[in-house]
PDB file of N, CA and C in Angstrom:
ATOM      1  N   MET A   1      27.915  80.240  23.735  1.00  0.00           N
ATOM      2  CA  MET A   1      29.053  80.649  22.746  1.00  0.00           C
ATOM      3  C   MET A   1      28.316  81.175  21.718  1.00  0.00           C
ATOM      4  N   GLU A   2      28.941  82.523  20.987  1.00  0.00           N
ATOM      5  CA  GLU A   2      28.509  83.616  20.403  1.00  0.00           C
ATOM      6  C   GLU A   2      28.702  82.568  19.132  1.00  0.00           C
ATOM      7  N   THR A   3      28.111  83.531  17.834  1.00  0.00           N
ATOM      8  CA  THR A   3      28.214  83.072  16.385  1.00  0.00           C
ATOM      9  C   THR A   3      29.545  83.595  15.962  1.00  0.00           C
ATOM     10  N   ILE A   4      30.187  82.605  15.362  1.00  0.00           N
ATOM     11  CA  ILE A   4      31.603  82.461  14.786  1.00  0.00           C
ATOM     12  C   ILE A   4      31.597  83.051  12.972  1.00  0.00           C
ATOM     13  N   HIS A   5      32.104  84.058  12.840  1.00  0.00           N
ATOM     14  CA  HIS A   5      32.118  84.228  11.445  1.00  0.00           C
ATOM     15  C   HIS A   5      33.462  84.205  10.771  1.00  0.00           C
ATOM     16  N   LYS A   6      33.422  83.573   9.802  1.00  0.00           N
ATOM     17  CA  LYS A   6      35.046  82.921   9.239  1.00  0.00           C
ATOM     18  C   LYS A   6      34.511  83.072   7.524  1.00  0.00           C
ATOM     19  N   ILE A   7      35.729  83.399   6.742  1.00  0.00           N
ATOM     20  CA  ILE A   7      35.486  83.656   5.180  1.00  0.00           C
ATOM     21  C   ILE A   7      36.488  82.234   4.741  1.00  0.00           C
ATOM     22  N   GLY A   8      35.898  81.919   3.582  1.00  0.00           N
ATOM     23  CA  GLY A   8      36.916  80.988   2.862  1.00  0.00           C
ATOM     24  C   GLY A   8      36.673  81.622   1.906  1.00  0.00           C
ATOM     25  N   ARG A   9      37.810  80.782   0.634  1.00  0.00           N
ATOM     26  CA  ARG A   9      38.256  81.690  -0.408  1.00  0.00           C
ATOM     27  C   ARG A   9      38.588  80.330  -1.539  1.00  0.00           C
ATOM     28  N   ARG A  10      37.874  80.203  -3.037  1.00  0.00           N
ATOM     29  CA  ARG A  10      38.734  79.235  -3.644  1.00  0.00           C
ATOM     30  C   ARG A  10      38.196  79.461  -5.203  1.00  0.00           C
ATOM     31  N   LYS A  11      39.187  79.494  -5.826  1.00  0.00           N
ATOM     32  CA  LYS A  11      39.235  80.172  -7.330  1.00  0.00           C
ATOM     33  C   LYS A  11      38.368  81.776  -6.966  1.00  0.00           C
ATOM     34  N   THR A  12      37.344  81.679  -7.882  1.00  0.00           N
ATOM     35  CA  THR A  12      36.610  83.071  -7.877  1.00  0.00           C
ATOM     36  C   THR A  12      35.211  82.841  -6.451  1.00  0.00           C
ATOM     37  N   ALA A  13      34.955  81.814  -6.083  1.00  0.00           N
ATOM     38  CA  ALA A  13      34.238  81.423  -5.224  1.00  0.00           C
ATOM     39  C   ALA A  13      34.249  82.284  -3.844  1.00  0.00           C
ATOM     40  N   ILE A  14      33.477  83.032  -2.985  1.00  0.00           N
ATOM     41  CA  ILE A  14      33.730  83.470  -1.680  1.00  0.00           C
ATOM     42  C   ILE A  14      32.820  82.810  -0.720  1.00  0.00           C
ATOM     43  N   ALA A  15      33.109  82.381   0.298  1.00  0.00           N
ATOM     44  CA  ALA A  15      31.968  81.711   1.350  1.00  0.00           C
ATOM     45  C   ALA A  15      32.004  82.289   2.969  1.00  0.00           C
ATOM     46  N   ARG A  16      30.893  83.090   3.305  1.00  0.00           N
ATOM     47  CA  ARG A  16      30.957  83.323   4.749  1.00  0.00           C
ATOM     48  C   ARG A  16      30.202  82.494   5.382  1.00  0.00           C
ATOM     49  N   VAL A  17      31.241  81.846   6.392  1.00  0.00           N
ATOM     50  CA  VAL A  17      30.393  81.244   7.133  1.00  0.00           C
ATOM     51  C   VAL A  17      29.923  81.376   8.741  1.00  0.00           C
ATOM     52  N   TYR A  18      28.957  81.194   9.041  1.00  0.00           N
ATOM     53  CA  TYR A  18      28.455  81.596  10.502  1.00  0.00           C
ATOM     54  C   TYR A  18      28.165  80.415  11.288  1.00  0.00           C
ATOM     55  N   LEU A  19      29.157  79.915  12.467  1.00  0.00           N
ATOM     56  CA  LEU A  19      29.122  78.818  13.173  1.00  0.00           C
ATOM     57  C   LEU A  19      28.497  78.889  14.338  1.00  0.00           C
ATOM     58  N   SER A  20      27.622  78.583  14.872  1.00  0.00           N
ATOM     59  CA  SER A  20      26.781  78.439  16.129  1.00  0.00           C
ATOM     60  C   SER A  20      26.714  77.126  16.935  1.00  0.00           C
ATOM     61  N   GLU A  21      26.377  76.872  18.075  1.00  0.00           N
ATOM     62  CA  GLU A  21      26.139  75.686  18.710  1.00  0.00           C
ATOM     63  C   GLU A  21      24.725  75.186  18.227  1.00  0.00           C
ATOM     64  N   GLY A  22      24.529  73.764  18.223  1.00  0.00           N
ATOM     65  CA  GLY A  22      23.296  73.600  17.719  1.00  0.00           C
ATOM     66  C   GLY A  22      23.012  72.027  17.411  1.00  0.00           C
ATOM     67  N   LYS A  23      22.048  71.342  16.355  1.00  0.00           N
ATOM     68  CA  LYS A  23      21.738  70.408  16.237  1.00  0.00           C
ATOM     69  C   LYS A  23      22.477  70.000  14.990  1.00  0.00           C
ATOM     70  N   GLY A  24      23.255  70.399  14.113  1.00  0.00           N
ATOM     71  CA  GLY A  24      23.953  69.996  13.121  1.00  0.00           C
ATOM     72  C   GLY A  24      23.088  70.337  11.901  1.00  0.00           C
ATOM     73  N   GLU A  25      22.590  71.500  11.845  1.00  0.00           N
ATOM     74  CA  GLU A  25      22.009  71.806  10.749  1.00  0.00           C
ATOM     75  C   GLU A  25      22.644  72.605  10.068  1.00  0.00           C
ATOM     76  N   ILE A  26      22.752  72.329   8.635  1.00  0.00           N
ATOM     77  CA  ILE A  26      23.503  72.922   7.590  1.00  0.00           C
ATOM     78  C   ILE A  26      22.552  73.763   6.437  1.00  0.00           C
ATOM     79  N   THR A  27      22.894  75.365   6.464  1.00  0.00           N
ATOM     80  CA  THR A  27      22.268  75.537   5.046  1.00  0.00           C
ATOM     81  C   THR A  27      23.051  76.683   4.247  1.00  0.00           C
ATOM     82  N   VAL A  28      22.870  76.335   3.225  1.00  0.00           N
ATOM     83  CA  VAL A  28      23.717  77.487   2.229  1.00  0.00           C
ATOM     84  C   VAL A  28      22.961  77.882   0.905  1.00  0.00           C
ATOM     85  N   ASN A  29      23.289  79.374   1.705  1.00  0.00           N
ATOM     86  CA  ASN A  29      22.085  80.329   0.763  1.00  0.00           C
ATOM     87  C   ASN A  29      20.971  80.059   1.001  1.00  0.00           C
ATOM     88  N   LYS A  30      20.598  79.914   2.019  1.00  0.00           N
ATOM     89  CA  LYS A  30      19.033  79.461   2.557  1.00  0.00           C
ATOM     90  C   LYS A  30      18.711  78.029   2.476  1.00  0.00           C
ATOM     91  N   LYS A  31      19.035  77.350   1.918  1.00  0.00           N
ATOM     92  CA  LYS A  31      18.440  75.736   1.356  1.00  0.00           C
ATOM     93  C   LYS A  31      19.414  74.996   2.176  1.00  0.00           C
ATOM     94  N   PRO A  32      18.992  73.887   2.231  1.00  0.00           N
ATOM     95  CA  PRO A  32      19.716  72.647   3.188  1.00  0.00           C
ATOM     96  C   PRO A  32      20.838  72.410   2.242  1.00  0.00           C
ATOM     97  N   LEU A  33      21.612  71.576   2.846  1.00  0.00           N
ATOM     98  CA  LEU A  33      22.975  71.278   2.486  1.00  0.00           C
ATOM     99  C   LEU A  33      22.832  70.261   0.985  1.00  0.00           C
ATOM    100  N   ASP A  34      22.014  69.304   1.359  1.00  0.00           N
ATOM    101  CA  ASP A  34      21.655  68.457   0.188  1.00  0.00           C
ATOM    102  C   ASP A  34      20.982  68.754  -0.697  1.00  0.00           C
ATOM    103  N   VAL A  35      20.126  70.237  -0.787  1.00  0.00           N
ATOM    104  CA  VAL A  35      19.614  70.925  -2.162  1.00  0.00           C
ATOM    105  C   VAL A  35      20.865  71.816  -2.734  1.00  0.00           C
ATOM    106  N   TYR A  36      21.202  72.139  -1.946  1.00  0.00           N
ATOM    107  CA  TYR A  36      22.345  73.285  -2.575  1.00  0.00           C
ATOM    108  C   TYR A  36      23.261  72.317  -3.449  1.00  0.00           C
ATOM    109  N   PHE A  37      24.131  71.360  -2.373  1.00  0.00           N
ATOM    110  CA  PHE A  37      25.140  70.906  -2.942  1.00  0.00           C
ATOM    111  C   PHE A  37      24.899  69.636  -2.898  1.00  0.00           C
ATOM    112  N   ALA A  38      23.864  69.212  -4.186  1.00  0.00           N
ATOM    113  CA  ALA A  38      23.531  67.540  -4.611  1.00  0.00           C
ATOM    114  C   ALA A  38      24.382  66.598  -4.549  1.00  0.00           C
ATOM    115  N   PRO A  39      25.346  66.870  -5.159  1.00  0.00           N
ATOM    116  CA  PRO A  39      26.490  65.805  -5.631  1.00  0.00           C
ATOM    117  C   PRO A  39      27.068  64.889  -4.171  1.00  0.00           C
ATOM    118  N   ALA A  40      26.948  63.876  -3.971  1.00  0.00           N
ATOM    119  CA  ALA A  40      27.355  63.459  -2.900  1.00  0.00           C
ATOM    120  C   ALA A  40      29.194  63.868  -2.456  1.00  0.00           C
ATOM    121  N   THR A  41      29.673  63.845  -3.213  1.00  0.00           N
ATOM    122  CA  THR A  41      31.179  64.316  -2.940  1.00  0.00           C
ATOM    123  C   THR A  41      31.326  65.541  -2.981  1.00  0.00           C
ATOM    124  N   LEU A  42      30.379  66.537  -3.206  1.00  0.00           N
ATOM    125  CA  LEU A  42      30.170  68.087  -2.535  1.00  0.00           C
ATOM    126  C   LEU A  42      29.988  68.071  -1.082  1.00  0.00           C
ATOM    127  N   GLN A  43      29.033  67.319  -0.818  1.00  0.00           N
ATOM    128  CA  GLN A  43      28.740  67.339   0.303  1.00  0.00           C
ATOM    129  C   GLN A  43      29.370  66.549   1.595  1.00  0.00           C
ATOM    130  N   TYR A  44      30.265  65.695   0.638  1.00  0.00           N
ATOM    131  CA  TYR A  44      31.241  65.199   1.732  1.00  0.00           C
ATOM    132  C   TYR A  44      32.401  66.108   1.976  1.00  0.00           C
ATOM    133  N   LYS A  45      32.968  66.841   0.837  1.00  0.00           N
ATOM    134  CA  LYS A  45      33.803  68.064   1.469  1.00  0.00           C
ATOM    135  C   LYS A  45      33.239  68.986   2.163  1.00  0.00           C
ATOM    136  N   VAL A  46      32.169  69.260   2.151  1.00  0.00           N
ATOM    137  CA  VAL A  46      31.813  70.267   3.265  1.00  0.00           C
ATOM    138  C   VAL A  46      31.898  69.665   4.840  1.00  0.00           C
ATOM    139  N   ASN A  47      31.142  68.563   4.772  1.00  0.00           N
ATOM    140  CA  ASN A  47      31.146  67.995   6.075  1.00  0.00           C
ATOM    141  C   ASN A  47      32.767  67.045   6.604  1.00  0.00           C
ATOM    142  N   GLN A  48      33.449  67.378   5.917  1.00  0.00           N
ATOM    143  CA  GLN A  48      34.962  66.678   6.291  1.00  0.00           C
ATOM    144  C   GLN A  48      35.728  67.722   7.202  1.00  0.00           C
ATOM    145  N   PRO A  49      35.483  68.757   7.569  1.00  0.00           N
ATOM    146  CA  PRO A  49      36.321  69.295   8.555  1.00  0.00           C
ATOM    147  C   PRO A  49      35.616  69.114   9.849  1.00  0.00           C
ATOM    148  N   PHE A  50      34.087  68.533  10.060  1.00  0.00           N
ATOM    149  CA  PHE A  50      33.423  68.120  11.085  1.00  0.00           C
ATOM    150  C   PHE A  50      33.731  66.633  11.487  1.00  0.00           C
ATOM    151  N   ALA A  51      33.872  65.579  10.071  1.00  0.00           N
ATOM    152  CA  ALA A  51      34.414  64.470  10.616  1.00  0.00           C
ATOM    153  C   ALA A  51      35.440  64.511  11.254  1.00  0.00           C
ATOM    154  N   LEU A  52      36.542  65.037  10.689  1.00  0.00           N
ATOM    155  CA  LEU A  52      38.080  64.995  11.281  1.00  0.00           C
ATOM    156  C   LEU A  52      38.108  65.456  12.361  1.00  0.00           C
ATOM    157  N   THR A  53      37.376  66.541  12.968  1.00  0.00           N
ATOM    158  CA  THR A  53      37.108  66.787  14.445  1.00  0.00           C
ATOM    159  C   THR A  53      36.701  66.268  15.391  1.00  0.00           C
ATOM    160  N   GLU A  54      35.853  65.365  14.673  1.00  0.00           N
ATOM    161  CA  GLU A  54      34.412  64.569  15.816  1.00  0.00           C
ATOM    162  C   GLU A  54      33.703  65.532  15.885  1.00  0.00           C
ATOM    163  N   THR A  55      33.353  66.512  15.570  1.00  0.00           N
ATOM    164  CA  THR A  55      31.998  67.882  15.975  1.00  0.00           C
ATOM    165  C   THR A  55      30.626  67.077  15.197  1.00  0.00           C
ATOM    166  N   THR A  56      30.864  66.344  14.103  1.00  0.00           N
ATOM    167  CA  THR A  56      29.140  66.178  13.750  1.00  0.00           C
ATOM    168  C   THR A  56      28.128  66.254  14.675  1.00  0.00           C
ATOM    169  N   GLY A  57      27.184  67.068  14.095  1.00  0.00           N
ATOM    170  CA  GLY A  57      25.803  67.394  14.856  1.00  0.00           C
ATOM    171  C   GLY A  57      26.352  68.090  16.007  1.00  0.00           C
ATOM    172  N   GLN A  58      26.962  68.990  16.207  1.00  0.00           N
ATOM    173  CA  GLN A  58      27.325  70.008  17.537  1.00  0.00           C
ATOM    174  C   GLN A  58      27.087  71.124  16.979  1.00  0.00           C
ATOM    175  N   TYR A  59      27.068  71.526  15.708  1.00  0.00           N
ATOM    176  CA  TYR A  59      27.003  73.100  15.287  1.00  0.00           C
ATOM    177  C   TYR A  59      26.152  72.908  14.296  1.00  0.00           C
ATOM    178  N   ASN A  60      25.403  74.253  14.326  1.00  0.00           N
ATOM    179  CA  ASN A  60      24.988  74.754  13.510  1.00  0.00           C
ATOM    180  C   ASN A  60      25.481  75.809  12.542  1.00  0.00           C
ATOM    181  N   LEU A  61      25.062  75.814  11.015  1.00  0.00           N
ATOM    182  CA  LEU A  61      26.235  76.081  10.244  1.00  0.00           C
ATOM    183  C   LEU A  61      24.865  76.854   9.040  1.00  0.00           C
ATOM    184  N   SER A  62      25.473  78.303   8.891  1.00  0.00           N
ATOM    185  CA  SER A  62      24.764  78.879   7.841  1.00  0.00           C
ATOM    186  C   SER A  62      25.857  79.813   6.895  1.00  0.00           C
ATOM    187  N   ALA A  63      25.958  79.527   5.539  1.00  0.00           N
ATOM    188  CA  ALA A  63      26.684  79.532   4.950  1.00  0.00           C
ATOM    189  C   ALA A  63      26.307  80.633   3.748  1.00  0.00           C
ATOM    190  N   SER A  64      26.657  81.566   3.117  1.00  0.00           N
ATOM    191  CA  SER A  64      26.585  82.552   2.039  1.00  0.00           C
ATOM    192  C   SER A  64      27.701  82.290   1.171  1.00  0.00           C
ATOM    193  N   VAL A  65      27.385  81.752  -0.253  1.00  0.00           N
ATOM    194  CA  VAL A  65      28.283  81.612  -0.843  1.00  0.00           C
ATOM    195  C   VAL A  65      28.099  82.381  -2.252  1.00  0.00           C
ATOM    196  N   VAL A  66      29.098  83.157  -3.023  1.00  0.00           N
ATOM    197  CA  VAL A  66      29.013  83.756  -4.470  1.00  0.00           C
ATOM    198  C   VAL A  66      30.117  83.225  -5.049  1.00  0.00           C
ATOM    199  N   GLY A  67      29.953  83.637  -6.203  1.00  0.00           N
ATOM    200  CA  GLY A  67      30.837  83.514  -7.537  1.00  0.00           C
ATOM    201  C   GLY A  67      31.420  81.704  -7.729  1.00  0.00           C
ATOM    202  N   GLY A  68      32.539  81.608  -8.591  1.00  0.00           N
ATOM    203  CA  GLY A  68      32.489  80.624  -9.201  1.00  0.00           C
ATOM    204  C   GLY A  68      31.605  79.381  -9.205  1.00  0.00           C
ATOM    205  N   GLY A  69      32.064  78.120  -9.199  1.00  0.00           N
ATOM    206  CA  GLY A  69      31.060  76.736  -9.341  1.00  0.00           C
ATOM    207  C   GLY A  69      30.600  76.305  -8.365  1.00  0.00           C
ATOM    208  N   PRO A  70      30.439  75.172  -8.423  1.00  0.00           N
ATOM    209  CA  PRO A  70      30.140  74.259  -7.246  1.00  0.00           C
ATOM    210  C   PRO A  70      31.243  73.700  -6.562  1.00  0.00           C
ATOM    211  N   ASN A  71      32.123  73.169  -7.169  1.00  0.00           N
ATOM    212  CA  ASN A  71      33.479  72.569  -6.755  1.00  0.00           C
ATOM    213  C   ASN A  71      33.954  73.544  -5.869  1.00  0.00           C
ATOM    214  N   GLY A  72      33.884  74.923  -6.585  1.00  0.00           N
ATOM    215  CA  GLY A  72      35.026  75.958  -5.867  1.00  0.00           C
ATOM    216  C   GLY A  72      34.465  76.426  -4.600  1.00  0.00           C
ATOM    217  N   GLN A  73      32.855  76.479  -4.648  1.00  0.00           N
ATOM    218  CA  GLN A  73      32.172  76.945  -3.968  1.00  0.00           C
ATOM    219  C   GLN A  73      32.227  76.116  -2.353  1.00  0.00           C
ATOM    220  N   ALA A  74      32.102  74.578  -2.843  1.00  0.00           N
ATOM    221  CA  ALA A  74      32.100  73.815  -1.744  1.00  0.00           C
ATOM    222  C   ALA A  74      33.869  73.829  -1.059  1.00  0.00           C
ATOM    223  N   GLU A  75      35.002  73.701  -1.642  1.00  0.00           N
ATOM    224  CA  GLU A  75      36.300  73.856  -1.484  1.00  0.00           C
ATOM    225  C   GLU A  75      36.151  75.436  -0.321  1.00  0.00           C
ATOM    226  N   ALA A  76      35.324  76.415  -0.973  1.00  0.00           N
ATOM    227  CA  ALA A  76      35.568  77.486  -0.034  1.00  0.00           C
ATOM    228  C   ALA A  76      34.789  77.647   1.144  1.00  0.00           C
ATOM    229  N   VAL A  77      33.805  76.553   1.296  1.00  0.00           N
ATOM    230  CA  VAL A  77      32.565  76.364   2.662  1.00  0.00           C
ATOM    231  C   VAL A  77      33.789  75.653   3.613  1.00  0.00           C
ATOM    232  N   ARG A  78      34.114  74.625   2.838  1.00  0.00           N
ATOM    233  CA  ARG A  78      35.371  73.978   3.341  1.00  0.00           C
ATOM    234  C   ARG A  78      36.325  74.320   4.566  1.00  0.00           C
ATOM    235  N   LEU A  79      37.220  75.499   3.778  1.00  0.00           N
ATOM    236  CA  LEU A  79      37.890  76.455   3.915  1.00  0.00           C
ATOM    237  C   LEU A  79      37.490  77.013   5.533  1.00  0.00           C
ATOM    238  N   ALA A  80      36.219  78.121   5.098  1.00  0.00           N
ATOM    239  CA  ALA A  80      35.645  78.641   5.985  1.00  0.00           C
ATOM    240  C   ALA A  80      35.550  77.628   7.500  1.00  0.00           C
ATOM    241  N   ILE A  81      34.783  76.543   7.289  1.00  0.00           N
ATOM    242  CA  ILE A  81      34.363  76.030   8.538  1.00  0.00           C
ATOM    243  C   ILE A  81      35.441  75.566   9.347  1.00  0.00           C
ATOM    244  N   SER A  82      36.821  75.283   8.714  1.00  0.00           N
ATOM    245  CA  SER A  82      37.696  74.628   9.130  1.00  0.00           C
ATOM    246  C   SER A  82      38.389  75.724  10.121  1.00  0.00           C
ATOM    247  N   ARG A  83      38.362  76.743   9.121  1.00  0.00           N
ATOM    248  CA  ARG A  83      39.217  78.078  10.059  1.00  0.00           C
ATOM    249  C   ARG A  83      38.223  78.383  11.490  1.00  0.00           C
ATOM    250  N   ALA A  84      36.846  78.444  11.411  1.00  0.00           N
ATOM    251  CA  ALA A  84      35.936  78.597  12.473  1.00  0.00           C
ATOM    252  C   ALA A  84      36.075  77.631  13.304  1.00  0.00           C
ATOM    253  N   LEU A  85      36.322  76.440  12.829  1.00  0.00           N
ATOM    254  CA  LEU A  85      36.394  75.031  14.182  1.00  0.00           C
ATOM    255  C   LEU A  85      37.829  75.682  14.866  1.00  0.00           C
ATOM    256  N   CYS A  86      38.932  76.017  13.961  1.00  0.00           N
ATOM    257  CA  CYS A  86      40.065  76.402  14.886  1.00  0.00           C
ATOM    258  C   CYS A  86      40.083  77.499  15.903  1.00  0.00           C
ATOM    259  N   ALA A  87      39.252  78.272  15.283  1.00  0.00           N
ATOM    260  CA  ALA A  87      38.198  79.572  16.648  1.00  0.00           C
ATOM    261  C   ALA A  87      37.957  79.207  17.605  1.00  0.00           C
ATOM    262  N   ILE A  88      37.318  77.845  17.548  1.00  0.00           N
ATOM    263  CA  ILE A  88      36.677  77.432  18.919  1.00  0.00           C
ATOM    264  C   ILE A  88      37.589  76.802  19.737  1.00  0.00           C
ATOM    265  N   ASP A  89      38.223  76.120  19.228  1.00  0.00           N
ATOM    266  CA  ASP A  89      39.169  75.119  19.565  1.00  0.00           C
ATOM    267  C   ASP A  89      40.529  75.153  19.057  1.00  0.00           C
ATOM    268  N   GLU A  90      41.601  75.415  19.648  1.00  0.00           N
ATOM    269  CA  GLU A  90      43.191  75.170  18.944  1.00  0.00           C
ATOM    270  C   GLU A  90      43.186  73.813  18.933  1.00  0.00           C
ATOM    271  N   GLU A  91      42.782  73.021  19.549  1.00  0.00           N
ATOM    272  CA  GLU A  91      43.065  71.556  19.359  1.00  0.00           C
ATOM    273  C   GLU A  91      42.442  70.721  18.086  1.00  0.00           C
ATOM    274  N   HIS A  92      41.661  71.304  17.163  1.00  0.00           N
ATOM    275  CA  HIS A  92      41.339  71.003  16.171  1.00  0.00           C
ATOM    276  C   HIS A  92      42.016  71.260  14.857  1.00  0.00           C
ATOM    277  N   ARG A  93      43.157  71.914  15.571  1.00  0.00           N
ATOM    278  CA  ARG A  93      44.320  72.357  14.224  1.00  0.00           C
ATOM    279  C   ARG A  93      45.180  71.172  14.146  1.00  0.00           C
ATOM    280  N   LEU A  94      45.055  70.519  15.128  1.00  0.00           N
ATOM    281  CA  LEU A  94      45.950  69.504  14.893  1.00  0.00           C
ATOM    282  C   LEU A  94      45.642  68.212  14.131  1.00  0.00           C
ATOM    283  N   ALA A  95      44.239  68.231  13.860  1.00  0.00           N
ATOM    284  CA  ALA A  95      43.327  67.227  13.068  1.00  0.00           C
ATOM    285  C   ALA A  95      43.602  67.318  11.460  1.00  0.00           C
ATOM    286  N   LEU A  96      43.307  69.402  11.426  1.00  0.00           N
ATOM    287  CA  LEU A  96      42.780  69.610  10.173  1.00  0.00           C
ATOM    288  C   LEU A  96      44.152  70.204   9.031  1.00  0.00           C
ATOM    289  N   LYS A  97      44.989  70.196  10.229  1.00  0.00           N
ATOM    290  CA  LYS A  97      46.343  70.836   9.475  1.00  0.00           C
ATOM    291  C   LYS A  97      47.073  69.664   8.313  1.00  0.00           C
ATOM    292  N   PRO A  98      47.160  68.550   9.282  1.00  0.00           N
ATOM    293  CA  PRO A  98      47.906  67.523   8.043  1.00  0.00           C
ATOM    294  C   PRO A  98      46.996  67.181   6.803  1.00  0.00           C
ATOM    295  N   GLU A  99      45.602  67.416   6.854  1.00  0.00           N
ATOM    296  CA  GLU A  99      44.831  66.996   5.895  1.00  0.00           C
ATOM    297  C   GLU A  99      44.780  68.149   4.804  1.00  0.00           C
ATOM    298  N   GLY A 100      45.582  69.416   5.122  1.00  0.00           N
ATOM    299  CA  GLY A 100      45.268  70.341   4.167  1.00  0.00           C
ATOM    300  C   GLY A 100      44.289  71.066   4.011  1.00  0.00           C
ATOM    301  N   LEU A 101      43.278  71.411   5.355  1.00  0.00           N
ATOM    302  CA  LEU A 101      42.007  71.786   5.263  1.00  0.00           C
ATOM    303  C   LEU A 101      42.268  73.260   5.493  1.00  0.00           C
ATOM    304  N   LEU A 102      43.501  73.705   6.314  1.00  0.00           N
ATOM    305  CA  LEU A 102      43.693  75.294   6.304  1.00  0.00           C
ATOM    306  C   LEU A 102      44.642  75.789   5.591  1.00  0.00           C
ATOM    307  N   THR A 103      44.797  75.621   4.207  1.00  0.00           N
ATOM    308  CA  THR A 103      45.578  75.826   3.770  1.00  0.00           C
ATOM    309  C   THR A 103      44.652  76.520   2.166  1.00  0.00           C
ATOM    310  N   ARG A 104      44.680  77.834   2.315  1.00  0.00           N
ATOM    311  CA  ARG A 104      44.485  78.462   0.749  1.00  0.00           C
ATOM    312  C   ARG A 104      45.118  78.342  -0.306  1.00  0.00           C
ATOM    313  N   ASP A 105      44.015  77.572  -1.650  1.00  0.00           N
ATOM    314  CA  ASP A 105      44.407  76.980  -2.598  1.00  0.00           C
ATOM    315  C   ASP A 105      44.327  78.147  -3.474  1.00  0.00           C
ATOM    316  N   PRO A 106      46.056  78.779  -3.686  1.00  0.00           N
ATOM    317  CA  PRO A 106      45.359  80.063  -4.706  1.00  0.00           C
ATOM    318  C   PRO A 106      46.105  80.184  -5.939  1.00  0.00           C
ATOM    319  N   ARG A 107      45.532  78.750  -6.709  1.00  0.00           N
ATOM    320  CA  ARG A 107      45.473  78.565  -8.171  1.00  0.00           C
ATOM    321  C   ARG A 107      44.065  79.444  -8.543  1.00  0.00           C
ATOM    322  N   MET A 108      44.280  79.832  -9.558  1.00  0.00           N
ATOM    323  CA  MET A 108      43.217  80.621 -10.218  1.00  0.00           C
ATOM    324  C   MET A 108      43.449  80.425 -11.809  1.00  0.00           C
ATOM    325  N   VAL A 109      42.085  81.140 -12.851  1.00  0.00           N
ATOM    326  CA  VAL A 109      42.058  80.836 -13.860  1.00  0.00           C
ATOM    327  C   VAL A 109      43.222  81.622 -15.036  1.00  0.00           C
ATOM    328  N   GLU A 110      44.108  81.520 -15.499  1.00  0.00           N
ATOM    329  CA  GLU A 110      45.064  82.329 -16.200  1.00  0.00           C
ATOM    330  C   GLU A 110      44.448  83.506 -17.165  1.00  0.00           C
ATOM    331  N   ARG A 111      44.719  84.627 -17.132  1.00  0.00           N
ATOM    332  CA  ARG A 111      43.975  85.577 -18.111  1.00  0.00           C
ATOM    333  C   ARG A 111      44.328  85.389 -19.314  1.00  0.00           C
ATOM    334  N   LYS A 112      43.206  85.529 -20.560  1.00  0.00           N
ATOM    335  CA  LYS A 112      43.518  85.489 -22.152  1.00  0.00           C
ATOM    336  C   LYS A 112      44.460  86.536 -22.118  1.00  0.00           C
ATOM    337  N   LYS A 113      45.467  86.257 -22.943  1.00  0.00           N
ATOM    338  CA  LYS A 113      46.032  87.420 -23.298  1.00  0.00           C
ATOM    339  C   LYS A 113      46.127  87.692 -24.730  1.00  0.00           C
ATOM    340  N   PHE A 114      46.157  89.097 -25.045  1.00  0.00           N
ATOM    341  CA  PHE A 114      45.598  89.489 -26.545  1.00  0.00           C
ATOM    342  C   PHE A 114      46.727  88.748 -27.547  1.00  0.00           C
ATOM    343  N   GLY A 115      45.997  89.095 -28.730  1.00  0.00           N
ATOM    344  CA  GLY A 115      46.971  88.363 -29.851  1.00  0.00           C
ATOM    345  C   GLY A 115      47.307  86.974 -29.596  1.00  0.00           C
ATOM    346  N   GLN A 116      46.499  86.269 -29.242  1.00  0.00           N
ATOM    347  CA  GLN A 116      46.367  84.640 -28.611  1.00  0.00           C
ATOM    348  C   GLN A 116      45.032  84.435 -28.372  1.00  0.00           C
ATOM    349  N   LYS A 117      44.538  82.912 -28.395  1.00  0.00           N
ATOM    350  CA  LYS A 117      43.254  82.381 -28.820  1.00  0.00           C
ATOM    351  C   LYS A 117      42.969  82.395 -27.288  1.00  0.00           C
ATOM    352  N   LYS A 118      44.047  81.674 -26.340  1.00  0.00           N
ATOM    353  CA  LYS A 118      43.700  81.694 -25.124  1.00  0.00           C
ATOM    354  C   LYS A 118      44.893  81.853 -24.102  1.00  0.00           C
ATOM    355  N   ALA A 119      44.774  81.797 -23.212  1.00  0.00           N
ATOM    356  CA  ALA A 119      46.026  82.132 -21.966  1.00  0.00           C
ATOM    357  C   ALA A 119      47.157  81.423 -22.675  1.00  0.00           C
ATOM    358  N   ARG A 120      47.405  80.719 -22.771  1.00  0.00           N
ATOM    359  CA  ARG A 120      48.867  79.851 -23.568  1.00  0.00           C
ATOM    360  C   ARG A 120      49.035  79.130 -25.122  1.00  0.00           C
ATOM    361  N   LYS A 121      47.692  79.381 -25.647  1.00  0.00           N
ATOM    362  CA  LYS A 121      47.170  78.851 -27.144  1.00  0.00           C
ATOM    363  C   LYS A 121      47.263  79.798 -27.897  1.00  0.00           C
ATOM    364  N   LYS A 122      48.202  79.972 -29.033  1.00  0.00           N
ATOM    365  CA  LYS A 122      48.360  80.800 -30.056  1.00  0.00           C
ATOM    366  C   LYS A 122      47.296  80.312 -31.379  1.00  0.00           C
ATOM    367  N   PHE A 123      47.383  81.279 -32.102  1.00  0.00           N
ATOM    368  CA  PHE A 123      46.823  81.153 -33.125  1.00  0.00           C
ATOM    369  C   PHE A 123      47.450  80.569 -34.027  1.00  0.00           C
ATOM    370  N   GLN A 124      46.713  79.663 -35.012  1.00  0.00           N
ATOM    371  CA  GLN A 124      47.026  78.811 -35.970  1.00  0.00           C
ATOM    372  C   GLN A 124      48.788  79.773 -36.985  1.00  0.00           C
ATOM    373  N   PHE A 125      49.774  79.162 -36.920  1.00  0.00           N
ATOM    374  CA  PHE A 125      50.737  79.829 -37.934  1.00  0.00           C
ATOM    375  C   PHE A 125      50.876  79.253 -39.157  1.00  0.00           C
ATOM    376  N   SER A 126      50.920  79.786 -40.106  1.00  0.00           N
ATOM    377  CA  SER A 126      50.781  79.459 -41.432  1.00  0.00           C
ATOM    378  C   SER A 126      52.310  80.275 -42.180  1.00  0.00           C
ATOM    379  N   LYS A 127      52.964  79.201 -42.611  1.00  0.00           N
ATOM    380  CA  LYS A 127      54.405  79.839 -43.329  1.00  0.00           C
ATOM    381  C   LYS A 127      54.009  80.612 -44.709  1.00  0.00           C
ATOM    382  N   ARG A 128      52.875  79.778 -45.467  1.00  0.00           N
ATOM    383  CA  ARG A 128      52.923  80.489 -46.601  1.00  0.00           C
ATOM    384  C   ARG A 128      51.370  80.609 -46.840  1.00  0.00           C
TER     385      ARG A 128
END
């Protein structure tokens, strides 16, 4: 099996994932998974596609992530892994689709408008 390359996005985070057969080593930006994503919740998000498809420990993963925060980056990596697993075997789609792991979350931060304090908040109004 050759290396499979897929991209995942969430908010302003972009993750490029390279999946190949191996012993289950996961590196993100040249660091081990537990170092880069220290909280257990973020590690769970990254490992979720492997757990659902029962392929834990079968593939080596190398990911490069730019932009966004830790949560957005973890969800971007999760989407890219899900897409890569579907490229390997179309049967994985049946396990990943109901969990919503193949859906690109389009929610982004709304831009600040001029003449306002924030995106929707206005400056305080004074009648007199």
